[in-house]
Amino acid sequence: MHAQPSHTLIVATTNRHKLVEIKRILDRLDWTVEPVGAYSPGPAPEETGRTFAENARLKALRYGRVTPHLTVADDSGLEIDGLDGEPGVHSARFNGATYAEKFDVIYARLHERQSLACPARFVCAVAATEQGRVVFEATGTIEGRIAEKPVGTAGFGYDPIFFYPPYGCTLAEVSPERKSAVSHRGKAFRKLREFIVSRGTRER
């Protein structure tokens, strides 16, 4: 027999914007969603994976050891075709201390390569662990292109430079609800929600 779910989901992130977005995606679940910080997890693990999935799994296993609950971690980032897939898994650590500085580097390099407005995608890999083992993995993506210039203030991270053609604007120009409906993180975490529901959890 499978153990009943704990009804508490621990999200392994210190990114406040990401946590709010994840809670919004999972808001219909009859679960409590908490950040991992309450469990004194210690320093973040070094993200040595070569893929988003490897890093998500690494973080979920690391943080899952300090919680008694289902623990989920994600690794996400922006892949730009004109930069051979960069910044990719290094998106959070890419050149520059601020996103404005990162944008400047990206546009300068794309200009050098004459690859402005090139195709790009956001990728989000999710892994969930329980009792020391991975019990769920999923990936979500959204295809678009690099905007001619950063536009919008509603999103976070690379949203201002990611133009989504079906909306005719960047992801930083839409409401959180419209973003989550199509975003990489929305797709991945809705798959997690389906997994949780499949284990007998009610939806509100």
C-alpha atoms as a PDB file:
ATOM      1  CA  MET A   1       0.000   0.000   0.000  1.00  0.00           C
ATOM      2  CA  HIS A   2       1.159   3.509  -0.769  1.00  0.00           C
ATOM      3  CA  ALA A   3       1.423   5.956   2.109  1.00  0.00           C
ATOM      4  CA  GLN A   4      -1.105   8.777   2.117  1.00  0.00           C
ATOM      5  CA  PRO A   5       0.268  12.154   0.977  1.00  0.00           C
ATOM      6  CA  SER A   6       1.304  14.523   3.739  1.00  0.00           C
ATOM      7  CA  HIS A   7      -0.851  17.454   2.542  1.00  0.00           C
ATOM      8  CA  THR A   8       2.132  19.744   2.907  1.00  0.00           C
ATOM      9  CA  LEU A   9       4.328  20.552  -0.062  1.00  0.00           C
ATOM     10  CA  ILE A  10       7.757  22.042   0.561  1.00  0.00           C
ATOM     11  CA  VAL A  11       9.087  24.230  -2.248  1.00  0.00           C
ATOM     12  CA  ALA A  12      12.877  24.342  -2.370  1.00  0.00           C
ATOM     13  CA  THR A  13      13.417  27.956  -3.366  1.00  0.00           C
ATOM     14  CA  THR A  14      14.496  31.232  -1.794  1.00  0.00           C
ATOM     15  CA  ASN A  15      13.114  33.225  -4.735  1.00  0.00           C
ATOM     16  CA  ARG A  16      10.050  35.067  -3.417  1.00  0.00           C
ATOM     17  CA  HIS A  17       8.673  35.766  -6.911  1.00  0.00           C
ATOM     18  CA  LYS A  18       8.975  32.113  -7.888  1.00  0.00           C
ATOM     19  CA  LEU A  19       7.268  30.940  -4.689  1.00  0.00           C
ATOM     20  CA  VAL A  20       4.315  33.281  -5.263  1.00  0.00           C
ATOM     21  CA  GLU A  21       4.001  32.030  -8.841  1.00  0.00           C
ATOM     22  CA  ILE A  22       4.087  28.373  -7.752  1.00  0.00           C
ATOM     23  CA  LYS A  23       1.475  28.940  -5.038  1.00  0.00           C
ATOM     24  CA  ARG A  24      -0.777  30.563  -7.613  1.00  0.00           C
ATOM     25  CA  ILE A  25      -0.455  27.587  -9.962  1.00  0.00           C
ATOM     26  CA  LEU A  26      -1.244  25.119  -7.157  1.00  0.00           C
ATOM     27  CA  ASP A  27      -3.913  27.200  -5.435  1.00  0.00           C
ATOM     28  CA  ARG A  28      -6.755  24.744  -6.075  1.00  0.00           C
ATOM     29  CA  LEU A  29      -5.027  21.935  -4.203  1.00  0.00           C
ATOM     30  CA  ASP A  30      -6.104  21.127  -0.655  1.00  0.00           C
ATOM     31  CA  TRP A  31      -2.472  21.363   0.441  1.00  0.00           C
ATOM     32  CA  THR A  32      -0.291  23.747   2.381  1.00  0.00           C
ATOM     33  CA  VAL A  33       2.582  25.073   0.268  1.00  0.00           C
ATOM     34  CA  GLU A  34       5.594  26.225   2.284  1.00  0.00           C
ATOM     35  CA  PRO A  35       9.157  27.353   1.481  1.00  0.00           C
ATOM     36  CA  VAL A  36      11.985  25.126   2.637  1.00  0.00           C
ATOM     37  CA  GLY A  37      13.532  27.878   4.786  1.00  0.00           C
ATOM     38  CA  ALA A  38      11.509  26.894   7.856  1.00  0.00           C
ATOM     39  CA  TYR A  39      13.491  23.647   8.032  1.00  0.00           C
ATOM     40  CA  SER A  40      16.941  25.287   8.266  1.00  0.00           C
ATOM     41  CA  PRO A  41      18.155  23.541   5.134  1.00  0.00           C
ATOM     42  CA  GLY A  42      21.672  24.976   5.252  1.00  0.00           C
ATOM     43  CA  PRO A  43      23.577  26.263   2.217  1.00  0.00           C
ATOM     44  CA  ALA A  44      22.152  25.697  -1.231  1.00  0.00           C
ATOM     45  CA  PRO A  45      23.734  22.814  -3.131  1.00  0.00           C
ATOM     46  CA  GLU A  46      26.093  23.630  -5.963  1.00  0.00           C
ATOM     47  CA  GLU A  47      24.178  23.309  -9.220  1.00  0.00           C
ATOM     48  CA  THR A  48      26.596  21.078 -11.095  1.00  0.00           C
ATOM     49  CA  GLY A  49      24.090  19.457 -13.445  1.00  0.00           C
ATOM     50  CA  ARG A  50      24.463  19.825 -17.192  1.00  0.00           C
ATOM     51  CA  THR A  51      20.707  20.022 -17.689  1.00  0.00           C
ATOM     52  CA  PHE A  52      17.766  21.676 -15.949  1.00  0.00           C
ATOM     53  CA  ALA A  53      16.442  18.224 -15.009  1.00  0.00           C
ATOM     54  CA  GLU A  54      19.707  17.202 -13.361  1.00  0.00           C
ATOM     55  CA  ASN A  55      19.810  20.383 -11.274  1.00  0.00           C
ATOM     56  CA  ALA A  56      16.154  20.077 -10.242  1.00  0.00           C
ATOM     57  CA  ARG A  57      16.758  16.489  -9.114  1.00  0.00           C
ATOM     58  CA  LEU A  58      19.910  17.484  -7.230  1.00  0.00           C
ATOM     59  CA  LYS A  59      18.111  20.246  -5.319  1.00  0.00           C
ATOM     60  CA  ALA A  60      15.020  18.170  -4.576  1.00  0.00           C
ATOM     61  CA  LEU A  61      17.093  15.332  -3.111  1.00  0.00           C
ATOM     62  CA  ARG A  62      19.242  17.710  -1.079  1.00  0.00           C
ATOM     63  CA  TYR A  63      16.348  19.632   0.465  1.00  0.00           C
ATOM     64  CA  GLY A  64      14.098  16.584   0.758  1.00  0.00           C
ATOM     65  CA  ARG A  65      16.504  15.139   3.332  1.00  0.00           C
ATOM     66  CA  VAL A  66      15.633  17.889   5.839  1.00  0.00           C
ATOM     67  CA  THR A  67      11.826  17.787   5.538  1.00  0.00           C
ATOM     68  CA  PRO A  68       9.265  15.086   6.353  1.00  0.00           C
ATOM     69  CA  HIS A  69       7.055  16.148   3.454  1.00  0.00           C
ATOM     70  CA  LEU A  70       6.846  15.908  -0.309  1.00  0.00           C
ATOM     71  CA  THR A  71       9.543  18.338  -1.468  1.00  0.00           C
ATOM     72  CA  VAL A  72       9.711  19.918  -4.904  1.00  0.00           C
ATOM     73  CA  ALA A  73      12.509  21.813  -6.607  1.00  0.00           C
ATOM     74  CA  ASP A  74      12.686  23.353 -10.028  1.00  0.00           C
ATOM     75  CA  ASP A  75      15.480  24.565 -12.228  1.00  0.00           C
ATOM     76  CA  SER A  76      14.606  26.941 -14.991  1.00  0.00           C
ATOM     77  CA  GLY A  77      16.156  29.354 -17.412  1.00  0.00           C
ATOM     78  CA  LEU A  78      16.269  30.947 -20.828  1.00  0.00           C
ATOM     79  CA  GLU A  79      17.767  29.319 -23.911  1.00  0.00           C
ATOM     80  CA  ILE A  80      18.605  31.729 -26.744  1.00  0.00           C
ATOM     81  CA  ASP A  81      19.249  30.191 -30.160  1.00  0.00           C
ATOM     82  CA  GLY A  82      21.411  33.119 -31.256  1.00  0.00           C
ATOM     83  CA  LEU A  83      23.730  32.458 -28.299  1.00  0.00           C
ATOM     84  CA  ASP A  84      23.941  28.704 -28.871  1.00  0.00           C
ATOM     85  CA  GLY A  85      21.486  28.011 -26.063  1.00  0.00           C
ATOM     86  CA  GLU A  86      22.980  30.354 -23.503  1.00  0.00           C
ATOM     87  CA  PRO A  87      22.437  31.342 -20.765  1.00  0.00           C
ATOM     88  CA  GLY A  88      20.667  28.003 -20.245  1.00  0.00           C
ATOM     89  CA  VAL A  89      21.377  26.314 -16.907  1.00  0.00           C
ATOM     90  CA  HIS A  90      23.522  29.313 -15.969  1.00  0.00           C
ATOM     91  CA  SER A  91      20.633  31.780 -16.338  1.00  0.00           C
ATOM     92  CA  ALA A  92      20.608  32.863 -12.689  1.00  0.00           C
ATOM     93  CA  ARG A  93      24.402  33.193 -12.628  1.00  0.00           C
ATOM     94  CA  PHE A  94      24.828  34.709 -16.078  1.00  0.00           C
ATOM     95  CA  ASN A  95      27.017  37.823 -16.551  1.00  0.00           C
ATOM     96  CA  GLY A  96      25.931  40.770 -14.423  1.00  0.00           C
ATOM     97  CA  ALA A  97      24.705  41.243 -10.877  1.00  0.00           C
ATOM     98  CA  THR A  98      21.318  42.607 -11.993  1.00  0.00           C
ATOM     99  CA  TYR A  99      18.990  41.566 -14.776  1.00  0.00           C
ATOM    100  CA  ALA A 100      19.467  44.945 -16.449  1.00  0.00           C
ATOM    101  CA  GLU A 101      23.176  44.133 -16.698  1.00  0.00           C
ATOM    102  CA  LYS A 102      22.431  40.641 -17.984  1.00  0.00           C
ATOM    103  CA  PHE A 103      20.154  42.137 -20.641  1.00  0.00           C
ATOM    104  CA  ASP A 104      22.906  44.514 -21.759  1.00  0.00           C
ATOM    105  CA  VAL A 105      25.314  41.596 -22.237  1.00  0.00           C
ATOM    106  CA  ILE A 106      22.741  39.540 -24.124  1.00  0.00           C
ATOM    107  CA  TYR A 107      21.823  42.357 -26.516  1.00  0.00           C
ATOM    108  CA  ALA A 108      25.479  43.245 -27.108  1.00  0.00           C
ATOM    109  CA  ARG A 109      26.345  39.652 -27.990  1.00  0.00           C
ATOM    110  CA  LEU A 110      23.264  39.207 -30.191  1.00  0.00           C
ATOM    111  CA  HIS A 111      24.114  42.445 -31.994  1.00  0.00           C
ATOM    112  CA  GLU A 112      27.645  41.166 -32.664  1.00  0.00           C
ATOM    113  CA  ARG A 113      26.196  37.999 -34.161  1.00  0.00           C
ATOM    114  CA  GLN A 114      23.463  39.863 -36.037  1.00  0.00           C
ATOM    115  CA  SER A 115      20.945  37.632 -34.273  1.00  0.00           C
ATOM    116  CA  LEU A 116      18.584  40.153 -32.706  1.00  0.00           C
ATOM    117  CA  ALA A 117      14.975  38.919 -32.319  1.00  0.00           C
ATOM    118  CA  CYS A 118      16.151  35.309 -32.603  1.00  0.00           C
ATOM    119  CA  PRO A 119      14.091  32.349 -31.331  1.00  0.00           C
ATOM    120  CA  ALA A 120      14.302  31.569 -27.616  1.00  0.00           C
ATOM    121  CA  ARG A 121      12.542  29.473 -25.031  1.00  0.00           C
ATOM    122  CA  PHE A 122      12.034  29.245 -21.323  1.00  0.00           C
ATOM    123  CA  VAL A 123      12.524  25.790 -19.793  1.00  0.00           C
ATOM    124  CA  CYS A 124      11.426  24.607 -16.352  1.00  0.00           C
ATOM    125  CA  ALA A 125      12.323  21.174 -14.976  1.00  0.00           C
ATOM    126  CA  VAL A 126      10.599  19.987 -11.794  1.00  0.00           C
ATOM    127  CA  ALA A 127      11.547  17.137  -9.475  1.00  0.00           C
ATOM    128  CA  ALA A 128       9.746  16.001  -6.326  1.00  0.00           C
ATOM    129  CA  THR A 129      11.131  13.732  -3.637  1.00  0.00           C
ATOM    130  CA  GLU A 130       9.647  11.794  -0.755  1.00  0.00           C
ATOM    131  CA  GLN A 131      11.432   9.635   1.798  1.00  0.00           C
ATOM    132  CA  GLY A 132      14.754  10.122   0.040  1.00  0.00           C
ATOM    133  CA  ARG A 133      13.734   9.178  -3.483  1.00  0.00           C
ATOM    134  CA  VAL A 134      12.528  10.970  -6.575  1.00  0.00           C
ATOM    135  CA  VAL A 135       8.815  10.277  -7.077  1.00  0.00           C
ATOM    136  CA  PHE A 136       7.989  12.749  -9.848  1.00  0.00           C
ATOM    137  CA  GLU A 137       9.716  14.652 -12.671  1.00  0.00           C
ATOM    138  CA  ALA A 138       8.380  16.882 -15.420  1.00  0.00           C
ATOM    139  CA  THR A 139       9.488  19.591 -17.828  1.00  0.00           C
ATOM    140  CA  GLY A 140       7.619  22.560 -19.284  1.00  0.00           C
ATOM    141  CA  THR A 141       8.683  24.901 -22.083  1.00  0.00           C
ATOM    142  CA  ILE A 142       7.411  28.024 -23.809  1.00  0.00           C
ATOM    143  CA  GLU A 143       8.648  29.117 -27.230  1.00  0.00           C
ATOM    144  CA  GLY A 144       9.105  32.746 -28.242  1.00  0.00           C
ATOM    145  CA  ARG A 145      11.823  35.139 -29.311  1.00  0.00           C
ATOM    146  CA  ILE A 146      14.016  37.852 -27.881  1.00  0.00           C
ATOM    147  CA  ALA A 147      12.210  41.200 -27.816  1.00  0.00           C
ATOM    148  CA  GLU A 148      13.727  44.169 -29.651  1.00  0.00           C
ATOM    149  CA  LYS A 149      14.268  45.751 -26.219  1.00  0.00           C
ATOM    150  CA  PRO A 150      13.237  44.982 -22.622  1.00  0.00           C
ATOM    151  CA  VAL A 151       9.577  45.873 -22.081  1.00  0.00           C
ATOM    152  CA  GLY A 152       7.236  45.492 -19.111  1.00  0.00           C
ATOM    153  CA  THR A 153       7.389  45.424 -15.336  1.00  0.00           C
ATOM    154  CA  ALA A 154       4.836  42.764 -14.391  1.00  0.00           C
ATOM    155  CA  GLY A 155       7.145  39.761 -14.493  1.00  0.00           C
ATOM    156  CA  PHE A 156      10.556  38.953 -13.088  1.00  0.00           C
ATOM    157  CA  GLY A 157      13.867  37.588 -14.257  1.00  0.00           C
ATOM    158  CA  TYR A 158      14.167  37.461 -18.040  1.00  0.00           C
ATOM    159  CA  ASP A 159      10.455  38.117 -18.676  1.00  0.00           C
ATOM    160  CA  PRO A 160      10.997  41.671 -20.078  1.00  0.00           C
ATOM    161  CA  ILE A 161      13.121  40.373 -22.974  1.00  0.00           C
ATOM    162  CA  PHE A 162      10.995  37.328 -23.831  1.00  0.00           C
ATOM    163  CA  PHE A 163       8.462  38.139 -26.545  1.00  0.00           C
ATOM    164  CA  TYR A 164       5.590  35.655 -26.790  1.00  0.00           C
ATOM    165  CA  PRO A 165       4.018  35.916 -30.276  1.00  0.00           C
ATOM    166  CA  PRO A 166       0.524  34.578 -29.401  1.00  0.00           C
ATOM    167  CA  TYR A 167       0.163  37.415 -26.881  1.00  0.00           C
ATOM    168  CA  GLY A 168       1.939  39.986 -29.039  1.00  0.00           C
ATOM    169  CA  CYS A 169       4.021  41.207 -26.097  1.00  0.00           C
ATOM    170  CA  THR A 170       6.615  40.142 -23.538  1.00  0.00           C
ATOM    171  CA  LEU A 171       5.758  38.030 -20.514  1.00  0.00           C
ATOM    172  CA  ALA A 172       6.497  41.083 -18.379  1.00  0.00           C
ATOM    173  CA  GLU A 173       3.540  42.875 -19.964  1.00  0.00           C
ATOM    174  CA  VAL A 174       0.811  40.428 -18.955  1.00  0.00           C
ATOM    175  CA  SER A 175      -0.963  39.603 -15.718  1.00  0.00           C
ATOM    176  CA  PRO A 176       0.380  36.785 -13.522  1.00  0.00           C
ATOM    177  CA  GLU A 177      -2.656  34.694 -14.466  1.00  0.00           C
ATOM    178  CA  ARG A 178      -2.074  35.077 -18.223  1.00  0.00           C
ATOM    179  CA  LYS A 179       1.603  34.344 -17.776  1.00  0.00           C
ATOM    180  CA  SER A 180       1.011  31.175 -15.721  1.00  0.00           C
ATOM    181  CA  ALA A 181      -1.506  29.934 -18.306  1.00  0.00           C
ATOM    182  CA  VAL A 182       1.253  29.527 -20.911  1.00  0.00           C
ATOM    183  CA  SER A 183       4.565  29.696 -19.045  1.00  0.00           C
ATOM    184  CA  HIS A 184       7.187  26.991 -18.685  1.00  0.00           C
ATOM    185  CA  ARG A 185       6.711  26.950 -14.901  1.00  0.00           C
ATOM    186  CA  GLY A 186       2.934  26.865 -15.244  1.00  0.00           C
ATOM    187  CA  LYS A 187       3.106  23.828 -17.529  1.00  0.00           C
ATOM    188  CA  ALA A 188       5.566  21.936 -15.311  1.00  0.00           C
ATOM    189  CA  PHE A 189       3.754  22.620 -12.049  1.00  0.00           C
ATOM    190  CA  ARG A 190       0.350  21.781 -13.499  1.00  0.00           C
ATOM    191  CA  LYS A 191       1.826  18.357 -14.262  1.00  0.00           C
ATOM    192  CA  LEU A 192       2.897  18.178 -10.602  1.00  0.00           C
ATOM    193  CA  ARG A 193      -0.640  19.115  -9.567  1.00  0.00           C
ATOM    194  CA  GLU A 194      -2.003  16.286 -11.731  1.00  0.00           C
ATOM    195  CA  PHE A 195       0.429  13.886 -10.028  1.00  0.00           C
ATOM    196  CA  ILE A 196      -0.690  15.004  -6.559  1.00  0.00           C
ATOM    197  CA  VAL A 197      -4.364  14.700  -7.513  1.00  0.00           C
ATOM    198  CA  SER A 198      -3.723  11.213  -8.913  1.00  0.00           C
ATOM    199  CA  ARG A 199      -2.653  10.156  -5.406  1.00  0.00           C
ATOM    200  CA  GLY A 200      -6.071  10.940  -4.015  1.00  0.00           C
ATOM    201  CA  THR A 201      -5.777  14.615  -3.107  1.00  0.00           C
ATOM    202  CA  ARG A 202      -8.892  16.714  -3.423  1.00  0.00           C
ATOM    203  CA  GLU A 203      -9.080  19.917  -5.457  1.00  0.00           C
ATOM    204  CA  ARG A 204     -10.993  22.876  -4.110  1.00  0.00           C
END
